[in-house]
Amino acid sequence: MTEKPIDLDARRGMAAQKATDLRRLLSEVEANEKILRERQSELEAHLLAAPAATWPEAAEKARYVLALYAAMLPTEDTRRRTLIAAVLDDFDRLAHEAHS
């Protein structure tokens, strides 16, 4: 028996190595997606837990919802994407003016 582990990946053919790498990558992506869904659920529960106490808090909730909406828009829907960007810019401008 040897003390050094045998690297089985090095003994496989190129196609088998690529298939193994693909399976590993897919497994990682699925695990990351699960973690992301869980964290997103936690965030949404937090956002729903209580009404916003200030306009900036309400704007943060709106930013989140707009980001969800924007993610579902087709890339070619530039009109709505521009509208979302304008609303987010308004939030930033109004928040800055409120602090000035």
N, C-alpha and C. Protein backbone atom coordinates (compact mmCIF):
# COMPACT_ATOMS: atom_id res chain seq x y z
N MET A 1 0.84 -1.17 0.00
CA MET A 1 0.00 0.00 0.00
C MET A 1 0.89 1.24 0.00
N THR A 2 0.50 2.23 -0.80
CA THR A 2 1.28 3.46 -0.87
C THR A 2 0.67 4.52 0.03
N GLU A 3 1.50 5.45 0.47
CA GLU A 3 1.01 6.54 1.30
C GLU A 3 0.41 7.66 0.46
N LYS A 4 0.83 7.74 -0.77
CA LYS A 4 0.36 8.80 -1.66
C LYS A 4 -0.93 8.33 -2.35
N PRO A 5 -2.00 9.16 -2.27
CA PRO A 5 -3.25 8.75 -2.92
C PRO A 5 -3.09 8.75 -4.44
N ILE A 6 -3.84 7.89 -5.07
CA ILE A 6 -3.80 7.78 -6.53
C ILE A 6 -4.79 8.77 -7.10
N ASP A 7 -4.33 9.57 -8.04
CA ASP A 7 -5.19 10.55 -8.71
C ASP A 7 -5.92 9.84 -9.85
N LEU A 8 -7.15 9.43 -9.57
CA LEU A 8 -7.92 8.69 -10.58
C LEU A 8 -8.27 9.56 -11.78
N ASP A 9 -8.44 10.87 -11.54
CA ASP A 9 -8.77 11.76 -12.66
C ASP A 9 -7.69 11.73 -13.73
N ALA A 10 -6.44 11.60 -13.32
CA ALA A 10 -5.33 11.59 -14.28
C ALA A 10 -5.32 10.31 -15.10
N ARG A 11 -5.95 9.26 -14.61
CA ARG A 11 -5.96 7.98 -15.32
C ARG A 11 -7.13 7.85 -16.29
N ARG A 12 -8.06 8.77 -16.22
CA ARG A 12 -9.22 8.73 -17.12
C ARG A 12 -8.87 9.38 -18.45
N GLY A 13 -9.65 9.05 -19.45
CA GLY A 13 -9.49 9.71 -20.74
C GLY A 13 -9.99 11.14 -20.65
N MET A 14 -9.68 11.94 -21.65
CA MET A 14 -10.06 13.35 -21.66
C MET A 14 -11.57 13.54 -21.59
N ALA A 15 -12.33 12.77 -22.32
CA ALA A 15 -13.79 12.89 -22.31
C ALA A 15 -14.35 12.56 -20.93
N ALA A 16 -13.82 11.53 -20.29
CA ALA A 16 -14.28 11.16 -18.95
C ALA A 16 -13.92 12.24 -17.93
N GLN A 17 -12.74 12.85 -18.09
CA GLN A 17 -12.34 13.93 -17.19
C GLN A 17 -13.27 15.13 -17.35
N LYS A 18 -13.59 15.45 -18.58
CA LYS A 18 -14.49 16.59 -18.83
C LYS A 18 -15.87 16.31 -18.25
N ALA A 19 -16.35 15.09 -18.40
CA ALA A 19 -17.66 14.72 -17.86
C ALA A 19 -17.66 14.80 -16.34
N THR A 20 -16.57 14.35 -15.72
CA THR A 20 -16.45 14.41 -14.27
C THR A 20 -16.41 15.86 -13.80
N ASP A 21 -15.61 16.69 -14.48
CA ASP A 21 -15.53 18.11 -14.13
C ASP A 21 -16.89 18.78 -14.27
N LEU A 22 -17.61 18.44 -15.33
CA LEU A 22 -18.93 19.02 -15.55
C LEU A 22 -19.90 18.62 -14.43
N ARG A 23 -19.88 17.36 -14.03
CA ARG A 23 -20.75 16.90 -12.94
C ARG A 23 -20.41 17.63 -11.64
N ARG A 24 -19.13 17.79 -11.37
CA ARG A 24 -18.72 18.49 -10.14
C ARG A 24 -19.17 19.95 -10.17
N LEU A 25 -18.98 20.61 -11.30
CA LEU A 25 -19.37 22.00 -11.44
C LEU A 25 -20.88 22.16 -11.30
N LEU A 26 -21.63 21.28 -11.93
CA LEU A 26 -23.08 21.32 -11.83
C LEU A 26 -23.53 21.13 -10.39
N SER A 27 -22.89 20.22 -9.68
CA SER A 27 -23.21 19.99 -8.28
C SER A 27 -22.96 21.24 -7.44
N GLU A 28 -21.85 21.92 -7.69
CA GLU A 28 -21.54 23.16 -6.98
C GLU A 28 -22.56 24.24 -7.27
N VAL A 29 -22.93 24.39 -8.54
CA VAL A 29 -23.91 25.40 -8.94
C VAL A 29 -25.24 25.13 -8.26
N GLU A 30 -25.68 23.88 -8.25
CA GLU A 30 -26.94 23.53 -7.60
C GLU A 30 -26.91 23.84 -6.11
N ALA A 31 -25.80 23.54 -5.46
CA ALA A 31 -25.66 23.83 -4.03
C ALA A 31 -25.69 25.33 -3.78
N ASN A 32 -25.00 26.09 -4.63
CA ASN A 32 -24.99 27.55 -4.48
C ASN A 32 -26.38 28.14 -4.72
N GLU A 33 -27.11 27.60 -5.70
CA GLU A 33 -28.46 28.08 -5.97
C GLU A 33 -29.37 27.81 -4.77
N LYS A 34 -29.22 26.66 -4.14
CA LYS A 34 -30.03 26.33 -2.97
C LYS A 34 -29.75 27.31 -1.84
N ILE A 35 -28.48 27.60 -1.61
CA ILE A 35 -28.10 28.57 -0.57
C ILE A 35 -28.67 29.94 -0.89
N LEU A 36 -28.57 30.35 -2.15
CA LEU A 36 -29.09 31.65 -2.57
C LEU A 36 -30.60 31.73 -2.36
N ARG A 37 -31.33 30.68 -2.74
CA ARG A 37 -32.79 30.67 -2.53
C ARG A 37 -33.13 30.78 -1.05
N GLU A 38 -32.38 30.08 -0.19
CA GLU A 38 -32.62 30.15 1.25
C GLU A 38 -32.36 31.56 1.79
N ARG A 39 -31.29 32.17 1.36
CA ARG A 39 -30.96 33.53 1.82
C ARG A 39 -31.97 34.54 1.29
N GLN A 40 -32.41 34.32 0.05
CA GLN A 40 -33.42 35.21 -0.52
C GLN A 40 -34.73 35.10 0.27
N SER A 41 -35.09 33.89 0.64
CA SER A 41 -36.29 33.67 1.44
C SER A 41 -36.17 34.37 2.80
N GLU A 42 -35.00 34.29 3.43
CA GLU A 42 -34.76 34.97 4.70
C GLU A 42 -34.89 36.48 4.54
N LEU A 43 -34.32 37.02 3.46
CA LEU A 43 -34.41 38.45 3.21
C LEU A 43 -35.86 38.88 3.03
N GLU A 44 -36.61 38.12 2.24
CA GLU A 44 -38.00 38.47 1.99
C GLU A 44 -38.83 38.39 3.28
N ALA A 45 -38.56 37.41 4.11
CA ALA A 45 -39.25 37.31 5.40
C ALA A 45 -38.94 38.54 6.25
N HIS A 46 -37.69 38.98 6.22
CA HIS A 46 -37.28 40.17 6.97
C HIS A 46 -37.99 41.41 6.42
N LEU A 47 -38.06 41.53 5.10
CA LEU A 47 -38.71 42.69 4.49
C LEU A 47 -40.21 42.72 4.79
N LEU A 48 -40.80 41.53 4.93
CA LEU A 48 -42.24 41.44 5.21
C LEU A 48 -42.57 41.54 6.70
N ALA A 49 -41.59 41.40 7.55
CA ALA A 49 -41.82 41.32 8.99
C ALA A 49 -42.46 42.57 9.56
N ALA A 50 -42.11 43.72 9.03
CA ALA A 50 -42.64 44.96 9.57
C ALA A 50 -42.70 46.00 8.45
N PRO A 51 -43.64 46.92 8.57
CA PRO A 51 -43.69 47.99 7.57
C PRO A 51 -42.46 48.90 7.69
N ALA A 52 -42.13 49.54 6.60
CA ALA A 52 -41.01 50.47 6.62
C ALA A 52 -41.31 51.61 7.59
N ALA A 53 -40.31 52.00 8.34
CA ALA A 53 -40.48 53.09 9.30
C ALA A 53 -40.11 54.44 8.70
N THR A 54 -39.35 54.41 7.60
CA THR A 54 -38.90 55.65 6.97
C THR A 54 -39.00 55.52 5.46
N TRP A 55 -38.92 56.65 4.78
CA TRP A 55 -38.92 56.61 3.31
C TRP A 55 -37.72 55.85 2.76
N PRO A 56 -36.52 56.02 3.32
CA PRO A 56 -35.39 55.24 2.81
C PRO A 56 -35.60 53.73 2.95
N GLU A 57 -36.22 53.28 4.05
CA GLU A 57 -36.51 51.86 4.20
C GLU A 57 -37.51 51.40 3.13
N ALA A 58 -38.52 52.22 2.87
CA ALA A 58 -39.50 51.89 1.84
C ALA A 58 -38.83 51.84 0.47
N ALA A 59 -37.89 52.75 0.23
CA ALA A 59 -37.17 52.77 -1.04
C ALA A 59 -36.32 51.51 -1.21
N GLU A 60 -35.72 51.03 -0.12
CA GLU A 60 -34.93 49.80 -0.19
C GLU A 60 -35.80 48.60 -0.55
N LYS A 61 -36.99 48.54 0.02
CA LYS A 61 -37.92 47.47 -0.33
C LYS A 61 -38.30 47.57 -1.81
N ALA A 62 -38.57 48.79 -2.26
CA ALA A 62 -38.94 49.00 -3.66
C ALA A 62 -37.78 48.62 -4.58
N ARG A 63 -36.55 48.96 -4.19
CA ARG A 63 -35.36 48.59 -4.98
C ARG A 63 -35.30 47.07 -5.17
N TYR A 64 -35.56 46.35 -4.08
CA TYR A 64 -35.51 44.89 -4.14
C TYR A 64 -36.55 44.36 -5.11
N VAL A 65 -37.78 44.85 -4.99
CA VAL A 65 -38.86 44.38 -5.87
C VAL A 65 -38.57 44.75 -7.32
N LEU A 66 -38.06 45.96 -7.55
CA LEU A 66 -37.71 46.36 -8.91
C LEU A 66 -36.60 45.50 -9.49
N ALA A 67 -35.63 45.12 -8.66
CA ALA A 67 -34.55 44.25 -9.13
C ALA A 67 -35.10 42.88 -9.53
N LEU A 68 -36.05 42.36 -8.74
CA LEU A 68 -36.68 41.08 -9.10
C LEU A 68 -37.41 41.20 -10.43
N TYR A 69 -38.14 42.28 -10.58
CA TYR A 69 -38.89 42.52 -11.83
C TYR A 69 -37.93 42.66 -13.01
N ALA A 70 -36.88 43.43 -12.83
CA ALA A 70 -35.91 43.66 -13.91
C ALA A 70 -35.25 42.36 -14.35
N ALA A 71 -35.02 41.46 -13.39
CA ALA A 71 -34.38 40.18 -13.72
C ALA A 71 -35.27 39.31 -14.61
N MET A 72 -36.57 39.54 -14.56
CA MET A 72 -37.49 38.75 -15.38
C MET A 72 -37.74 39.36 -16.76
N LEU A 73 -37.32 40.60 -16.94
CA LEU A 73 -37.56 41.27 -18.23
C LEU A 73 -36.65 40.71 -19.31
N PRO A 74 -37.18 40.60 -20.52
CA PRO A 74 -36.30 40.21 -21.63
C PRO A 74 -35.26 41.31 -21.87
N THR A 75 -34.11 40.94 -22.32
CA THR A 75 -33.02 41.89 -22.56
C THR A 75 -33.44 43.01 -23.49
N GLU A 76 -34.26 42.68 -24.47
CA GLU A 76 -34.66 43.69 -25.47
C GLU A 76 -35.71 44.67 -24.96
N ASP A 77 -36.22 44.50 -23.75
CA ASP A 77 -37.22 45.42 -23.19
C ASP A 77 -36.51 46.62 -22.58
N THR A 78 -35.92 47.42 -23.44
CA THR A 78 -35.11 48.55 -22.97
C THR A 78 -35.96 49.66 -22.37
N ARG A 79 -37.19 49.80 -22.81
CA ARG A 79 -38.06 50.85 -22.28
C ARG A 79 -38.30 50.65 -20.78
N ARG A 80 -38.67 49.45 -20.40
CA ARG A 80 -38.91 49.18 -18.97
C ARG A 80 -37.62 49.19 -18.17
N ARG A 81 -36.54 48.71 -18.77
CA ARG A 81 -35.24 48.75 -18.07
C ARG A 81 -34.83 50.21 -17.82
N THR A 82 -35.07 51.07 -18.79
CA THR A 82 -34.76 52.49 -18.65
C THR A 82 -35.64 53.12 -17.58
N LEU A 83 -36.91 52.73 -17.53
CA LEU A 83 -37.82 53.25 -16.52
C LEU A 83 -37.36 52.84 -15.12
N ILE A 84 -36.98 51.58 -14.96
CA ILE A 84 -36.48 51.10 -13.66
C ILE A 84 -35.23 51.88 -13.26
N ALA A 85 -34.32 52.06 -14.20
CA ALA A 85 -33.10 52.82 -13.90
C ALA A 85 -33.43 54.25 -13.48
N ALA A 86 -34.43 54.86 -14.13
CA ALA A 86 -34.83 56.23 -13.79
C ALA A 86 -35.41 56.29 -12.38
N VAL A 87 -36.22 55.31 -12.02
CA VAL A 87 -36.81 55.28 -10.67
C VAL A 87 -35.70 55.11 -9.63
N LEU A 88 -34.75 54.21 -9.89
CA LEU A 88 -33.65 54.01 -8.94
C LEU A 88 -32.80 55.27 -8.82
N ASP A 89 -32.59 55.96 -9.94
CA ASP A 89 -31.87 57.24 -9.89
C ASP A 89 -32.64 58.27 -9.06
N ASP A 90 -33.97 58.28 -9.22
CA ASP A 90 -34.79 59.19 -8.40
C ASP A 90 -34.62 58.89 -6.92
N PHE A 91 -34.64 57.61 -6.57
CA PHE A 91 -34.43 57.23 -5.16
C PHE A 91 -33.10 57.78 -4.66
N ASP A 92 -32.04 57.59 -5.44
CA ASP A 92 -30.71 58.06 -5.03
C ASP A 92 -30.69 59.58 -4.89
N ARG A 93 -31.25 60.28 -5.88
CA ARG A 93 -31.26 61.74 -5.87
C ARG A 93 -32.05 62.27 -4.67
N LEU A 94 -33.24 61.72 -4.43
CA LEU A 94 -34.06 62.19 -3.33
C LEU A 94 -33.43 61.88 -1.98
N ALA A 95 -32.78 60.72 -1.87
CA ALA A 95 -32.09 60.38 -0.61
C ALA A 95 -30.95 61.35 -0.37
N HIS A 96 -30.21 61.68 -1.43
CA HIS A 96 -29.08 62.62 -1.30
C HIS A 96 -29.59 64.00 -0.91
N GLU A 97 -30.69 64.44 -1.54
CA GLU A 97 -31.25 65.76 -1.23
C GLU A 97 -31.76 65.81 0.21
N ALA A 98 -32.29 64.70 0.70
CA ALA A 98 -32.80 64.66 2.06
C ALA A 98 -31.69 64.79 3.10
N HIS A 99 -30.48 64.33 2.72
CA HIS A 99 -29.35 64.39 3.65
C HIS A 99 -28.55 65.68 3.51
N SER A 100 -28.90 66.49 2.53
CA SER A 100 -28.15 67.75 2.31
C SER A 100 -28.71 68.90 3.12
